[in-house]
Amino acid sequence: MNPKAFATFLDAFYFSVATMTTVGFGDVTPISETGRLLTVLMILTGIALIPWQLGDLIKQLLNTTKQMEFLCPGCGLESHDTDAQFCKICGTKLRNICKI
């Protein structure tokens, strides 16, 4: 460790996280240890949240592709699963049109 460049462990940790995540060092960088710690926490939170949210979005898109537009004669619900035989809201038997 270079004591002239990195006075504390937090300095080295901040440098490592900023370098490995390719955030880089812009014109404005935190000077205090609290600022650097908050920056590291924000970077790591972003790394964790973005894939999680993207995974949820993809899951929702896949779920909607498994549904078909068909009006339930009982309650008027428009979207049902492609293999549904009964309405998931009111239980009314659906016509065979809903099957693929």
N, C-alpha and C. Protein backbone atom coordinates (compact mmCIF):
# COMPACT_ATOMS: atom_id res chain seq x y z
N MET A 1 0.85 -1.18 0.00
CA MET A 1 0.00 0.00 0.00
C MET A 1 0.89 1.24 0.00
N ASN A 2 0.45 2.23 -0.73
CA ASN A 2 1.20 3.47 -0.82
C ASN A 2 0.64 4.47 0.19
N PRO A 3 1.36 4.74 1.30
CA PRO A 3 0.82 5.62 2.34
C PRO A 3 0.66 7.07 1.88
N LYS A 4 1.35 7.48 0.83
CA LYS A 4 1.18 8.85 0.36
C LYS A 4 -0.14 9.01 -0.41
N ALA A 5 -0.52 8.00 -1.17
CA ALA A 5 -1.74 8.08 -1.97
C ALA A 5 -2.97 7.62 -1.18
N PHE A 6 -2.79 6.62 -0.33
CA PHE A 6 -3.90 6.05 0.43
C PHE A 6 -3.60 6.14 1.91
N ALA A 7 -4.15 7.14 2.56
CA ALA A 7 -3.87 7.35 3.99
C ALA A 7 -4.61 6.35 4.86
N THR A 8 -5.81 5.95 4.45
CA THR A 8 -6.60 5.02 5.26
C THR A 8 -7.07 3.86 4.39
N PHE A 9 -7.62 2.86 5.06
CA PHE A 9 -8.19 1.72 4.34
C PHE A 9 -9.37 2.15 3.48
N LEU A 10 -10.17 3.11 3.96
CA LEU A 10 -11.32 3.58 3.20
C LEU A 10 -10.89 4.24 1.90
N ASP A 11 -9.76 4.94 1.90
CA ASP A 11 -9.25 5.53 0.66
C ASP A 11 -8.93 4.44 -0.36
N ALA A 12 -8.28 3.39 0.09
CA ALA A 12 -7.93 2.29 -0.81
C ALA A 12 -9.19 1.56 -1.28
N PHE A 13 -10.15 1.37 -0.38
CA PHE A 13 -11.39 0.70 -0.73
C PHE A 13 -12.17 1.51 -1.76
N TYR A 14 -12.26 2.82 -1.54
CA TYR A 14 -12.95 3.70 -2.48
C TYR A 14 -12.29 3.64 -3.85
N PHE A 15 -10.97 3.71 -3.88
CA PHE A 15 -10.24 3.65 -5.14
C PHE A 15 -10.50 2.32 -5.85
N SER A 16 -10.50 1.23 -5.11
CA SER A 16 -10.73 -0.09 -5.69
C SER A 16 -12.13 -0.21 -6.29
N VAL A 17 -13.14 0.21 -5.54
CA VAL A 17 -14.52 0.10 -6.03
C VAL A 17 -14.74 1.02 -7.23
N ALA A 18 -14.26 2.23 -7.16
CA ALA A 18 -14.44 3.18 -8.27
C ALA A 18 -13.72 2.70 -9.53
N THR A 19 -12.59 2.05 -9.36
CA THR A 19 -11.84 1.55 -10.51
C THR A 19 -12.47 0.29 -11.09
N MET A 20 -12.84 -0.67 -10.24
CA MET A 20 -13.40 -1.93 -10.72
C MET A 20 -14.78 -1.75 -11.35
N THR A 21 -15.55 -0.80 -10.89
CA THR A 21 -16.88 -0.59 -11.46
C THR A 21 -16.85 0.36 -12.64
N THR A 22 -15.72 0.81 -13.02
CA THR A 22 -15.48 1.75 -14.12
C THR A 22 -16.27 3.05 -13.96
N VAL A 23 -16.58 3.41 -12.72
CA VAL A 23 -17.22 4.70 -12.47
C VAL A 23 -16.20 5.80 -12.75
N GLY A 24 -14.98 5.57 -12.36
CA GLY A 24 -13.90 6.52 -12.63
C GLY A 24 -13.89 7.68 -11.67
N PHE A 25 -13.00 8.58 -11.92
CA PHE A 25 -12.83 9.75 -11.07
C PHE A 25 -13.07 10.98 -11.94
N GLY A 26 -14.22 11.59 -11.76
CA GLY A 26 -14.58 12.75 -12.57
C GLY A 26 -14.03 14.04 -11.99
N ASP A 27 -14.61 15.14 -12.43
CA ASP A 27 -14.17 16.45 -11.94
C ASP A 27 -14.55 16.64 -10.49
N VAL A 28 -15.66 16.04 -10.08
CA VAL A 28 -16.12 16.19 -8.71
C VAL A 28 -16.00 14.83 -8.02
N THR A 29 -15.17 14.77 -7.00
CA THR A 29 -15.00 13.54 -6.23
C THR A 29 -15.16 13.85 -4.76
N PRO A 30 -15.67 12.90 -3.98
CA PRO A 30 -15.82 13.14 -2.55
C PRO A 30 -14.45 13.22 -1.87
N ILE A 31 -14.35 14.14 -0.93
CA ILE A 31 -13.08 14.35 -0.22
C ILE A 31 -13.10 13.68 1.14
N SER A 32 -14.21 13.79 1.85
CA SER A 32 -14.27 13.24 3.21
C SER A 32 -14.48 11.73 3.17
N GLU A 33 -14.16 11.09 4.29
CA GLU A 33 -14.35 9.65 4.39
C GLU A 33 -15.83 9.28 4.32
N THR A 34 -16.67 10.12 4.91
CA THR A 34 -18.12 9.87 4.87
C THR A 34 -18.63 9.94 3.43
N GLY A 35 -18.17 10.93 2.69
CA GLY A 35 -18.57 11.06 1.29
C GLY A 35 -18.12 9.89 0.45
N ARG A 36 -16.90 9.42 0.69
CA ARG A 36 -16.40 8.27 -0.07
C ARG A 36 -17.15 7.01 0.30
N LEU A 37 -17.47 6.85 1.58
CA LEU A 37 -18.22 5.69 2.02
C LEU A 37 -19.62 5.69 1.40
N LEU A 38 -20.28 6.85 1.39
CA LEU A 38 -21.59 6.95 0.76
C LEU A 38 -21.52 6.67 -0.74
N THR A 39 -20.47 7.14 -1.38
CA THR A 39 -20.29 6.89 -2.80
C THR A 39 -20.13 5.39 -3.07
N VAL A 40 -19.33 4.72 -2.26
CA VAL A 40 -19.14 3.28 -2.42
C VAL A 40 -20.47 2.56 -2.21
N LEU A 41 -21.24 2.96 -1.20
CA LEU A 41 -22.53 2.33 -0.94
C LEU A 41 -23.50 2.55 -2.11
N MET A 42 -23.49 3.75 -2.68
CA MET A 42 -24.37 4.02 -3.83
C MET A 42 -23.96 3.19 -5.04
N ILE A 43 -22.67 3.05 -5.27
CA ILE A 43 -22.19 2.26 -6.41
C ILE A 43 -22.61 0.80 -6.24
N LEU A 44 -22.36 0.25 -5.05
CA LEU A 44 -22.69 -1.16 -4.81
C LEU A 44 -24.20 -1.39 -4.83
N THR A 45 -24.98 -0.43 -4.34
CA THR A 45 -26.43 -0.54 -4.40
C THR A 45 -26.91 -0.54 -5.84
N GLY A 46 -26.34 0.32 -6.66
CA GLY A 46 -26.70 0.35 -8.08
C GLY A 46 -26.36 -0.95 -8.78
N ILE A 47 -25.22 -1.52 -8.43
CA ILE A 47 -24.82 -2.80 -9.04
C ILE A 47 -25.81 -3.89 -8.65
N ALA A 48 -26.33 -3.85 -7.43
CA ALA A 48 -27.25 -4.88 -6.97
C ALA A 48 -28.67 -4.64 -7.49
N LEU A 49 -29.12 -3.39 -7.52
CA LEU A 49 -30.52 -3.11 -7.86
C LEU A 49 -30.83 -3.20 -9.35
N ILE A 50 -29.92 -2.80 -10.19
CA ILE A 50 -30.21 -2.77 -11.63
C ILE A 50 -30.49 -4.18 -12.18
N PRO A 51 -29.65 -5.17 -11.91
CA PRO A 51 -29.99 -6.52 -12.41
C PRO A 51 -31.27 -7.09 -11.78
N TRP A 52 -31.50 -6.78 -10.52
CA TRP A 52 -32.71 -7.27 -9.84
C TRP A 52 -33.95 -6.70 -10.51
N GLN A 53 -33.97 -5.39 -10.75
CA GLN A 53 -35.11 -4.76 -11.40
C GLN A 53 -35.27 -5.24 -12.83
N LEU A 54 -34.17 -5.42 -13.53
CA LEU A 54 -34.22 -5.92 -14.90
C LEU A 54 -34.77 -7.34 -14.94
N GLY A 55 -34.39 -8.16 -13.96
CA GLY A 55 -34.92 -9.52 -13.88
C GLY A 55 -36.41 -9.53 -13.64
N ASP A 56 -36.90 -8.64 -12.76
CA ASP A 56 -38.34 -8.54 -12.52
C ASP A 56 -39.08 -8.09 -13.78
N LEU A 57 -38.51 -7.15 -14.51
CA LEU A 57 -39.14 -6.68 -15.74
C LEU A 57 -39.25 -7.80 -16.76
N ILE A 58 -38.18 -8.57 -16.93
CA ILE A 58 -38.20 -9.68 -17.88
C ILE A 58 -39.22 -10.73 -17.45
N LYS A 59 -39.30 -10.99 -16.14
CA LYS A 59 -40.27 -11.96 -15.63
C LYS A 59 -41.70 -11.51 -15.93
N GLN A 60 -41.98 -10.22 -15.75
CA GLN A 60 -43.31 -9.70 -16.05
C GLN A 60 -43.62 -9.78 -17.54
N LEU A 61 -42.64 -9.49 -18.37
CA LEU A 61 -42.86 -9.58 -19.82
C LEU A 61 -43.15 -11.02 -20.24
N LEU A 62 -42.45 -11.97 -19.65
CA LEU A 62 -42.69 -13.37 -19.98
C LEU A 62 -44.06 -13.82 -19.50
N ASN A 63 -44.49 -13.33 -18.34
CA ASN A 63 -45.81 -13.70 -17.83
C ASN A 63 -46.93 -13.16 -18.71
N THR A 64 -46.76 -11.96 -19.25
CA THR A 64 -47.81 -11.40 -20.09
C THR A 64 -47.88 -12.08 -21.45
N THR A 65 -46.78 -12.69 -21.91
CA THR A 65 -46.83 -13.39 -23.19
C THR A 65 -47.56 -14.72 -23.05
N LYS A 66 -47.73 -15.21 -21.83
CA LYS A 66 -48.45 -16.46 -21.61
C LYS A 66 -49.95 -16.23 -21.47
N GLN A 67 -50.40 -14.99 -21.63
CA GLN A 67 -51.81 -14.68 -21.47
C GLN A 67 -52.44 -14.34 -22.81
N MET A 68 -53.75 -14.53 -22.85
CA MET A 68 -54.51 -14.31 -24.08
C MET A 68 -55.67 -13.37 -23.79
N GLU A 69 -55.97 -12.51 -24.73
CA GLU A 69 -57.10 -11.60 -24.59
C GLU A 69 -58.39 -12.35 -24.88
N PHE A 70 -59.17 -12.59 -23.85
CA PHE A 70 -60.45 -13.27 -23.99
C PHE A 70 -61.36 -12.77 -22.89
N LEU A 71 -62.52 -12.26 -23.24
CA LEU A 71 -63.45 -11.68 -22.27
C LEU A 71 -64.22 -12.76 -21.54
N CYS A 72 -64.17 -12.72 -20.21
CA CYS A 72 -64.91 -13.67 -19.39
C CYS A 72 -66.39 -13.27 -19.41
N PRO A 73 -67.28 -14.22 -19.69
CA PRO A 73 -68.70 -13.88 -19.71
C PRO A 73 -69.26 -13.58 -18.33
N GLY A 74 -68.58 -14.01 -17.27
CA GLY A 74 -69.08 -13.79 -15.91
C GLY A 74 -68.71 -12.44 -15.34
N CYS A 75 -67.41 -12.12 -15.34
CA CYS A 75 -66.97 -10.89 -14.67
C CYS A 75 -66.36 -9.86 -15.61
N GLY A 76 -66.05 -10.25 -16.84
CA GLY A 76 -65.51 -9.30 -17.81
C GLY A 76 -64.00 -9.20 -17.81
N LEU A 77 -63.30 -10.05 -17.07
CA LEU A 77 -61.84 -10.04 -17.08
C LEU A 77 -61.35 -10.35 -18.49
N GLU A 78 -60.38 -9.59 -18.97
CA GLU A 78 -59.98 -9.73 -20.37
C GLU A 78 -58.78 -10.64 -20.59
N SER A 79 -57.87 -10.77 -19.63
CA SER A 79 -56.68 -11.58 -19.89
C SER A 79 -56.70 -12.85 -19.04
N HIS A 80 -56.51 -13.95 -19.72
CA HIS A 80 -56.46 -15.26 -19.08
C HIS A 80 -55.24 -16.01 -19.60
N ASP A 81 -54.76 -16.96 -18.82
CA ASP A 81 -53.67 -17.80 -19.28
C ASP A 81 -54.15 -18.60 -20.49
N THR A 82 -53.22 -18.94 -21.36
CA THR A 82 -53.60 -19.63 -22.60
C THR A 82 -54.22 -21.00 -22.34
N ASP A 83 -53.87 -21.65 -21.23
CA ASP A 83 -54.43 -22.96 -20.93
C ASP A 83 -55.56 -22.92 -19.90
N ALA A 84 -56.11 -21.73 -19.64
CA ALA A 84 -57.15 -21.59 -18.61
C ALA A 84 -58.46 -22.20 -19.08
N GLN A 85 -59.10 -22.92 -18.16
CA GLN A 85 -60.42 -23.46 -18.43
C GLN A 85 -61.50 -22.70 -17.66
N PHE A 86 -61.08 -22.05 -16.56
CA PHE A 86 -61.98 -21.28 -15.74
C PHE A 86 -61.37 -19.89 -15.47
N CYS A 87 -62.21 -18.90 -15.26
CA CYS A 87 -61.76 -17.55 -14.95
C CYS A 87 -61.11 -17.54 -13.57
N LYS A 88 -59.96 -16.87 -13.45
CA LYS A 88 -59.26 -16.86 -12.16
C LYS A 88 -59.90 -15.90 -11.16
N ILE A 89 -60.82 -15.04 -11.59
CA ILE A 89 -61.49 -14.11 -10.68
C ILE A 89 -62.82 -14.68 -10.19
N CYS A 90 -63.69 -15.07 -11.12
CA CYS A 90 -65.04 -15.48 -10.72
C CYS A 90 -65.28 -16.99 -10.83
N GLY A 91 -64.41 -17.72 -11.53
CA GLY A 91 -64.57 -19.17 -11.65
C GLY A 91 -65.48 -19.62 -12.76
N THR A 92 -65.95 -18.71 -13.58
CA THR A 92 -66.83 -19.06 -14.70
C THR A 92 -66.07 -19.91 -15.72
N LYS A 93 -66.73 -20.95 -16.23
CA LYS A 93 -66.09 -21.80 -17.23
C LYS A 93 -65.91 -20.99 -18.51
N LEU A 94 -64.69 -21.04 -19.05
CA LEU A 94 -64.38 -20.33 -20.28
C LEU A 94 -64.63 -21.24 -21.47
N ARG A 95 -64.96 -20.65 -22.59
CA ARG A 95 -65.18 -21.43 -23.80
C ARG A 95 -63.86 -22.00 -24.30
N ASN A 96 -63.91 -22.96 -25.17
CA ASN A 96 -62.72 -23.59 -25.71
C ASN A 96 -61.90 -22.66 -26.60
N ILE A 97 -62.41 -21.46 -26.89
CA ILE A 97 -61.69 -20.50 -27.72
C ILE A 97 -60.39 -20.08 -27.04
N CYS A 98 -60.37 -20.10 -25.72
CA CYS A 98 -59.22 -19.64 -24.96
C CYS A 98 -58.04 -20.58 -25.10
N LYS A 99 -58.26 -21.84 -25.45
CA LYS A 99 -57.15 -22.80 -25.55
C LYS A 99 -56.42 -22.62 -26.87
N ILE A 100 -55.11 -22.84 -26.82
CA ILE A 100 -54.30 -22.76 -28.04
C ILE A 100 -53.78 -24.15 -28.35
